[in-house]
Amino acid sequence: MKTVYNGLHVSVDLERGIYVFFPYSGTGKSYLASIFRELSPGDKRVTSYTYVDYARNMPIELVLDNSRFDFVVLDRYDMYYGVGVERILRFAENGTVLVDCKQTPPFPHEMCAVMYHGDVLEVTKL
């Protein structure tokens, strides 16, 4: 997926599946989640879910919907650890889930990294 958001070139070069970011702070994970949230009402088929959504009792199933989205960022998953595991696995069969989690998540995954430099935000598989 490639798009431009407010002059920022966003590139997610991943196949469908579940990818977990390395747990380093300040790399752009939450920023990517906020960009996906902003793009969500448009035609980009991306969105995000974070602890604030969970705390407001928004069901995670609303974002893990392949009929609406191809890419979902689960930001701060360690704050709602274990929620929606079966739905995450099902979504990943036809979509891409990017997970920010400070511990090993309860589902199989691959690792990825986000790099934010200048006018480029890029997500790649490691």
N, C-alpha and C. Protein backbone atom coordinates (compact mmCIF):
# COMPACT_ATOMS: atom_id res chain seq x y z
N MET A 1 0.83 -1.16 0.00
CA MET A 1 0.00 0.00 0.00
C MET A 1 0.88 1.23 0.00
N LYS A 2 0.59 2.13 -0.89
CA LYS A 2 1.32 3.40 -0.96
C LYS A 2 0.30 4.52 -1.08
N THR A 3 0.53 5.57 -0.30
CA THR A 3 -0.34 6.73 -0.35
C THR A 3 0.43 7.96 0.12
N VAL A 4 -0.15 9.11 -0.09
CA VAL A 4 0.43 10.36 0.40
C VAL A 4 -0.58 10.97 1.36
N TYR A 5 -0.11 11.33 2.54
CA TYR A 5 -0.95 11.94 3.57
C TYR A 5 -0.30 13.24 4.03
N ASN A 6 -0.92 14.36 3.73
CA ASN A 6 -0.37 15.68 4.10
C ASN A 6 1.09 15.83 3.71
N GLY A 7 1.43 15.39 2.51
CA GLY A 7 2.80 15.51 2.01
C GLY A 7 3.73 14.40 2.46
N LEU A 8 3.26 13.51 3.32
CA LEU A 8 4.06 12.39 3.80
C LEU A 8 3.79 11.17 2.94
N HIS A 9 4.84 10.57 2.41
CA HIS A 9 4.72 9.37 1.59
C HIS A 9 4.69 8.16 2.52
N VAL A 10 3.57 7.46 2.54
CA VAL A 10 3.38 6.31 3.41
C VAL A 10 3.43 5.05 2.56
N SER A 11 4.29 4.11 2.95
CA SER A 11 4.46 2.88 2.21
C SER A 11 4.47 1.70 3.17
N VAL A 12 3.57 0.74 2.94
CA VAL A 12 3.54 -0.49 3.71
C VAL A 12 3.77 -1.62 2.72
N ASP A 13 4.98 -2.17 2.75
CA ASP A 13 5.39 -3.19 1.78
C ASP A 13 5.32 -4.57 2.44
N LEU A 14 4.10 -5.04 2.70
CA LEU A 14 3.89 -6.31 3.37
C LEU A 14 2.76 -7.08 2.69
N GLU A 15 2.90 -8.40 2.67
CA GLU A 15 1.82 -9.25 2.19
C GLU A 15 0.82 -9.44 3.32
N ARG A 16 -0.28 -10.08 3.03
CA ARG A 16 -1.26 -10.30 4.09
C ARG A 16 -0.66 -11.17 5.19
N GLY A 17 -1.18 -11.00 6.39
CA GLY A 17 -0.67 -11.72 7.55
C GLY A 17 -0.62 -10.81 8.76
N ILE A 18 0.04 -11.29 9.81
CA ILE A 18 0.16 -10.54 11.06
C ILE A 18 1.63 -10.18 11.27
N TYR A 19 1.88 -8.90 11.51
CA TYR A 19 3.23 -8.39 11.70
C TYR A 19 3.28 -7.59 13.00
N VAL A 20 4.32 -7.81 13.76
CA VAL A 20 4.49 -7.12 15.03
C VAL A 20 5.72 -6.22 14.94
N PHE A 21 5.54 -4.97 15.37
CA PHE A 21 6.64 -4.02 15.39
C PHE A 21 7.58 -4.33 16.55
N PHE A 22 8.87 -4.06 16.36
CA PHE A 22 9.78 -4.12 17.49
C PHE A 22 9.31 -3.10 18.52
N PRO A 23 9.46 -3.39 19.81
CA PRO A 23 8.87 -2.54 20.85
C PRO A 23 9.67 -1.29 21.20
N TYR A 24 10.30 -0.68 20.24
CA TYR A 24 11.05 0.55 20.49
C TYR A 24 10.10 1.74 20.47
N SER A 25 10.32 2.68 21.37
CA SER A 25 9.50 3.89 21.42
C SER A 25 9.98 4.92 20.41
N GLY A 26 9.06 5.76 19.98
CA GLY A 26 9.41 6.89 19.15
C GLY A 26 9.79 6.58 17.72
N THR A 27 9.32 5.45 17.18
CA THR A 27 9.69 5.10 15.80
C THR A 27 8.61 5.46 14.78
N GLY A 28 7.41 5.81 15.24
CA GLY A 28 6.35 6.18 14.31
C GLY A 28 5.17 5.24 14.30
N LYS A 29 5.11 4.26 15.21
CA LYS A 29 4.01 3.29 15.22
C LYS A 29 2.67 3.97 15.49
N SER A 30 2.60 4.77 16.53
CA SER A 30 1.35 5.46 16.87
C SER A 30 1.01 6.51 15.82
N TYR A 31 2.03 7.12 15.24
CA TYR A 31 1.80 8.08 14.17
C TYR A 31 1.17 7.38 12.97
N LEU A 32 1.69 6.20 12.62
CA LEU A 32 1.10 5.41 11.54
C LEU A 32 -0.36 5.07 11.86
N ALA A 33 -0.63 4.68 13.10
CA ALA A 33 -2.00 4.37 13.51
C ALA A 33 -2.90 5.58 13.34
N SER A 34 -2.41 6.77 13.70
CA SER A 34 -3.24 7.97 13.55
C SER A 34 -3.46 8.32 12.08
N ILE A 35 -2.47 8.09 11.24
CA ILE A 35 -2.64 8.33 9.80
C ILE A 35 -3.70 7.37 9.25
N PHE A 36 -3.60 6.09 9.60
CA PHE A 36 -4.60 5.12 9.14
C PHE A 36 -5.99 5.50 9.60
N ARG A 37 -6.10 6.02 10.81
CA ARG A 37 -7.40 6.46 11.33
C ARG A 37 -7.95 7.61 10.49
N GLU A 38 -7.07 8.54 10.14
CA GLU A 38 -7.49 9.70 9.32
C GLU A 38 -7.89 9.27 7.91
N LEU A 39 -7.19 8.29 7.35
CA LEU A 39 -7.48 7.83 6.00
C LEU A 39 -8.70 6.92 5.94
N SER A 40 -9.11 6.39 7.07
CA SER A 40 -10.17 5.38 7.15
C SER A 40 -11.48 5.79 6.47
N PRO A 41 -11.98 6.99 6.65
CA PRO A 41 -13.25 7.33 6.00
C PRO A 41 -13.17 7.39 4.47
N GLY A 42 -11.98 7.46 3.93
CA GLY A 42 -11.81 7.54 2.48
C GLY A 42 -11.83 6.18 1.83
N ASP A 43 -11.16 6.07 0.71
CA ASP A 43 -11.18 4.83 -0.06
C ASP A 43 -9.89 4.01 0.08
N LYS A 44 -9.11 4.24 1.12
CA LYS A 44 -7.81 3.57 1.26
C LYS A 44 -7.91 2.19 1.90
N ARG A 45 -9.05 1.83 2.50
CA ARG A 45 -9.27 0.53 3.13
C ARG A 45 -8.26 0.24 4.23
N VAL A 46 -7.95 1.28 5.01
CA VAL A 46 -7.06 1.17 6.16
C VAL A 46 -7.74 1.77 7.38
N THR A 47 -7.37 1.28 8.56
CA THR A 47 -7.87 1.87 9.80
C THR A 47 -6.96 1.44 10.94
N SER A 48 -7.30 1.88 12.14
CA SER A 48 -6.52 1.49 13.32
C SER A 48 -7.45 1.35 14.52
N TYR A 49 -6.91 0.70 15.52
CA TYR A 49 -7.62 0.48 16.78
C TYR A 49 -6.59 0.63 17.88
N THR A 50 -6.97 1.31 18.97
CA THR A 50 -6.03 1.54 20.05
C THR A 50 -6.71 1.36 21.40
N TYR A 51 -5.95 1.54 22.46
CA TYR A 51 -6.49 1.35 23.80
C TYR A 51 -7.67 2.27 24.07
N VAL A 52 -7.65 3.47 23.54
CA VAL A 52 -8.77 4.40 23.74
C VAL A 52 -10.06 3.79 23.20
N ASP A 53 -10.00 3.16 22.03
CA ASP A 53 -11.18 2.49 21.47
C ASP A 53 -11.66 1.38 22.40
N TYR A 54 -10.71 0.60 22.89
CA TYR A 54 -11.03 -0.50 23.80
C TYR A 54 -11.68 0.04 25.08
N ALA A 55 -11.10 1.10 25.65
CA ALA A 55 -11.62 1.68 26.89
C ALA A 55 -13.02 2.26 26.69
N ARG A 56 -13.32 2.66 25.48
CA ARG A 56 -14.67 3.19 25.16
C ARG A 56 -15.64 2.08 24.76
N ASN A 57 -15.22 0.84 24.96
CA ASN A 57 -16.05 -0.34 24.66
C ASN A 57 -16.38 -0.50 23.19
N MET A 58 -15.51 0.00 22.31
CA MET A 58 -15.68 -0.23 20.88
C MET A 58 -15.19 -1.64 20.57
N PRO A 59 -16.03 -2.50 20.03
CA PRO A 59 -15.59 -3.87 19.73
C PRO A 59 -14.48 -3.89 18.67
N ILE A 60 -13.44 -4.65 18.91
CA ILE A 60 -12.33 -4.75 17.96
C ILE A 60 -12.80 -5.33 16.63
N GLU A 61 -13.89 -6.09 16.67
CA GLU A 61 -14.43 -6.71 15.45
C GLU A 61 -14.84 -5.68 14.41
N LEU A 62 -15.14 -4.45 14.84
CA LEU A 62 -15.53 -3.41 13.88
C LEU A 62 -14.42 -3.06 12.90
N VAL A 63 -13.16 -3.17 13.36
CA VAL A 63 -12.04 -2.85 12.46
C VAL A 63 -11.48 -4.09 11.77
N LEU A 64 -11.71 -5.26 12.36
CA LEU A 64 -11.20 -6.50 11.76
C LEU A 64 -12.25 -7.07 10.82
N ASP A 65 -12.57 -6.29 9.80
CA ASP A 65 -13.64 -6.59 8.86
C ASP A 65 -13.06 -6.52 7.44
N ASN A 66 -12.80 -7.67 6.83
CA ASN A 66 -12.20 -7.71 5.49
C ASN A 66 -13.09 -7.08 4.42
N SER A 67 -14.37 -6.97 4.65
CA SER A 67 -15.23 -6.34 3.65
C SER A 67 -15.02 -4.83 3.61
N ARG A 68 -14.43 -4.27 4.67
CA ARG A 68 -14.20 -2.82 4.75
C ARG A 68 -12.73 -2.43 4.69
N PHE A 69 -11.83 -3.32 5.20
CA PHE A 69 -10.43 -2.94 5.34
C PHE A 69 -9.48 -4.02 4.85
N ASP A 70 -8.31 -3.57 4.36
CA ASP A 70 -7.23 -4.46 3.97
C ASP A 70 -6.06 -4.39 4.96
N PHE A 71 -5.88 -3.24 5.61
CA PHE A 71 -4.80 -3.01 6.56
C PHE A 71 -5.37 -2.44 7.85
N VAL A 72 -4.95 -3.03 8.98
CA VAL A 72 -5.37 -2.55 10.30
C VAL A 72 -4.15 -2.46 11.20
N VAL A 73 -3.99 -1.33 11.88
CA VAL A 73 -2.96 -1.18 12.90
C VAL A 73 -3.63 -1.35 14.26
N LEU A 74 -3.11 -2.28 15.06
CA LEU A 74 -3.55 -2.44 16.44
C LEU A 74 -2.50 -1.78 17.32
N ASP A 75 -2.76 -0.55 17.72
CA ASP A 75 -1.80 0.25 18.48
C ASP A 75 -1.95 -0.06 19.97
N ARG A 76 -0.83 -0.19 20.67
CA ARG A 76 -0.79 -0.44 22.12
C ARG A 76 -1.55 -1.72 22.50
N TYR A 77 -1.39 -2.77 21.71
CA TYR A 77 -2.12 -4.02 21.96
C TYR A 77 -1.83 -4.60 23.33
N ASP A 78 -0.66 -4.32 23.89
CA ASP A 78 -0.35 -4.83 25.23
C ASP A 78 -1.30 -4.28 26.29
N MET A 79 -2.00 -3.19 26.00
CA MET A 79 -2.96 -2.59 26.94
C MET A 79 -4.32 -3.30 26.90
N TYR A 80 -4.57 -4.08 25.86
CA TYR A 80 -5.81 -4.87 25.77
C TYR A 80 -5.46 -6.28 25.28
N TYR A 81 -4.34 -6.76 25.79
CA TYR A 81 -3.72 -8.03 25.42
C TYR A 81 -4.74 -9.19 25.43
N GLY A 82 -4.74 -9.96 24.36
CA GLY A 82 -5.60 -11.14 24.26
C GLY A 82 -6.97 -10.89 23.67
N VAL A 83 -7.33 -9.64 23.45
CA VAL A 83 -8.64 -9.31 22.89
C VAL A 83 -8.66 -9.63 21.40
N GLY A 84 -9.70 -10.33 20.96
CA GLY A 84 -9.95 -10.55 19.54
C GLY A 84 -8.99 -11.47 18.82
N VAL A 85 -8.33 -12.38 19.52
CA VAL A 85 -7.30 -13.22 18.90
C VAL A 85 -7.86 -13.99 17.70
N GLU A 86 -8.98 -14.65 17.87
CA GLU A 86 -9.56 -15.43 16.76
C GLU A 86 -9.92 -14.54 15.59
N ARG A 87 -10.43 -13.36 15.87
CA ARG A 87 -10.81 -12.42 14.80
C ARG A 87 -9.58 -11.88 14.09
N ILE A 88 -8.51 -11.63 14.83
CA ILE A 88 -7.25 -11.17 14.23
C ILE A 88 -6.73 -12.23 13.26
N LEU A 89 -6.73 -13.48 13.71
CA LEU A 89 -6.26 -14.58 12.86
C LEU A 89 -7.10 -14.70 11.60
N ARG A 90 -8.40 -14.57 11.73
CA ARG A 90 -9.30 -14.67 10.58
C ARG A 90 -9.09 -13.50 9.61
N PHE A 91 -8.96 -12.28 10.15
CA PHE A 91 -8.74 -11.11 9.30
C PHE A 91 -7.45 -11.27 8.50
N ALA A 92 -6.41 -11.79 9.14
CA ALA A 92 -5.08 -11.91 8.52
C ALA A 92 -5.04 -12.90 7.36
N GLU A 93 -6.06 -13.72 7.23
CA GLU A 93 -6.11 -14.64 6.08
C GLU A 93 -6.25 -13.88 4.77
N ASN A 94 -6.89 -12.71 4.81
CA ASN A 94 -7.12 -11.92 3.60
C ASN A 94 -6.68 -10.46 3.75
N GLY A 95 -6.10 -10.11 4.88
CA GLY A 95 -5.69 -8.74 5.13
C GLY A 95 -4.37 -8.70 5.88
N THR A 96 -3.94 -7.50 6.23
CA THR A 96 -2.67 -7.29 6.91
C THR A 96 -2.93 -6.59 8.24
N VAL A 97 -2.42 -7.19 9.32
CA VAL A 97 -2.55 -6.63 10.66
C VAL A 97 -1.16 -6.23 11.14
N LEU A 98 -1.02 -4.97 11.54
CA LEU A 98 0.23 -4.44 12.09
C LEU A 98 0.00 -4.21 13.57
N VAL A 99 0.81 -4.83 14.42
CA VAL A 99 0.56 -4.82 15.86
C VAL A 99 1.70 -4.16 16.62
N ASP A 100 1.34 -3.18 17.44
CA ASP A 100 2.27 -2.56 18.38
C ASP A 100 2.01 -3.22 19.73
N CYS A 101 2.95 -4.05 20.19
CA CYS A 101 2.77 -4.78 21.44
C CYS A 101 4.13 -4.89 22.13
N LYS A 102 4.17 -4.55 23.41
CA LYS A 102 5.44 -4.54 24.16
C LYS A 102 5.81 -5.92 24.69
N GLN A 103 4.98 -6.92 24.42
CA GLN A 103 5.28 -8.30 24.82
C GLN A 103 4.95 -9.22 23.65
N THR A 104 5.31 -10.47 23.77
CA THR A 104 5.03 -11.41 22.69
C THR A 104 3.53 -11.63 22.60
N PRO A 105 2.92 -11.33 21.45
CA PRO A 105 1.47 -11.47 21.32
C PRO A 105 1.04 -12.94 21.28
N PRO A 106 -0.25 -13.19 21.59
CA PRO A 106 -0.75 -14.56 21.68
C PRO A 106 -1.18 -15.15 20.34
N PHE A 107 -0.48 -14.81 19.27
CA PHE A 107 -0.79 -15.36 17.96
C PHE A 107 0.49 -15.40 17.14
N PRO A 108 0.55 -16.31 16.16
CA PRO A 108 1.74 -16.37 15.31
C PRO A 108 1.86 -15.08 14.49
N HIS A 109 3.11 -14.68 14.26
CA HIS A 109 3.34 -13.41 13.56
C HIS A 109 4.75 -13.37 12.99
N GLU A 110 4.97 -12.38 12.17
CA GLU A 110 6.30 -12.05 11.69
C GLU A 110 6.64 -10.68 12.23
N MET A 111 7.89 -10.31 12.14
CA MET A 111 8.33 -9.01 12.66
C MET A 111 8.43 -7.99 11.53
N CYS A 112 8.18 -6.73 11.89
CA CYS A 112 8.31 -5.65 10.92
C CYS A 112 8.87 -4.42 11.63
N ALA A 113 9.24 -3.45 10.85
CA ALA A 113 9.78 -2.21 11.40
C ALA A 113 9.16 -1.03 10.66
N VAL A 114 9.02 0.05 11.38
CA VAL A 114 8.56 1.30 10.78
C VAL A 114 9.73 2.27 10.82
N MET A 115 9.96 2.92 9.70
CA MET A 115 11.02 3.92 9.60
C MET A 115 10.39 5.23 9.16
N TYR A 116 10.64 6.25 9.92
CA TYR A 116 10.08 7.58 9.64
C TYR A 116 11.24 8.53 9.46
N HIS A 117 11.43 9.00 8.23
CA HIS A 117 12.53 9.91 7.95
C HIS A 117 12.09 10.90 6.88
N GLY A 118 12.24 12.19 7.22
CA GLY A 118 11.88 13.23 6.26
C GLY A 118 10.41 13.18 5.91
N ASP A 119 10.13 13.01 4.64
CA ASP A 119 8.74 12.96 4.18
C ASP A 119 8.30 11.55 3.83
N VAL A 120 8.96 10.54 4.43
CA VAL A 120 8.65 9.13 4.15
C VAL A 120 8.41 8.37 5.46
N LEU A 121 7.33 7.63 5.50
CA LEU A 121 7.07 6.68 6.58
C LEU A 121 6.89 5.34 5.92
N GLU A 122 7.78 4.40 6.25
CA GLU A 122 7.85 3.14 5.54
C GLU A 122 7.78 1.96 6.52
N VAL A 123 6.96 0.96 6.20
CA VAL A 123 6.88 -0.26 7.01
C VAL A 123 7.37 -1.41 6.16
N THR A 124 8.33 -2.17 6.70
CA THR A 124 8.91 -3.29 5.97
C THR A 124 9.02 -4.52 6.87
N LYS A 125 9.01 -5.67 6.25
CA LYS A 125 9.18 -6.95 6.94
C LYS A 125 10.66 -7.11 7.29
N LEU A 126 10.90 -7.72 8.42
CA LEU A 126 12.29 -8.00 8.81
C LEU A 126 12.62 -9.46 8.64
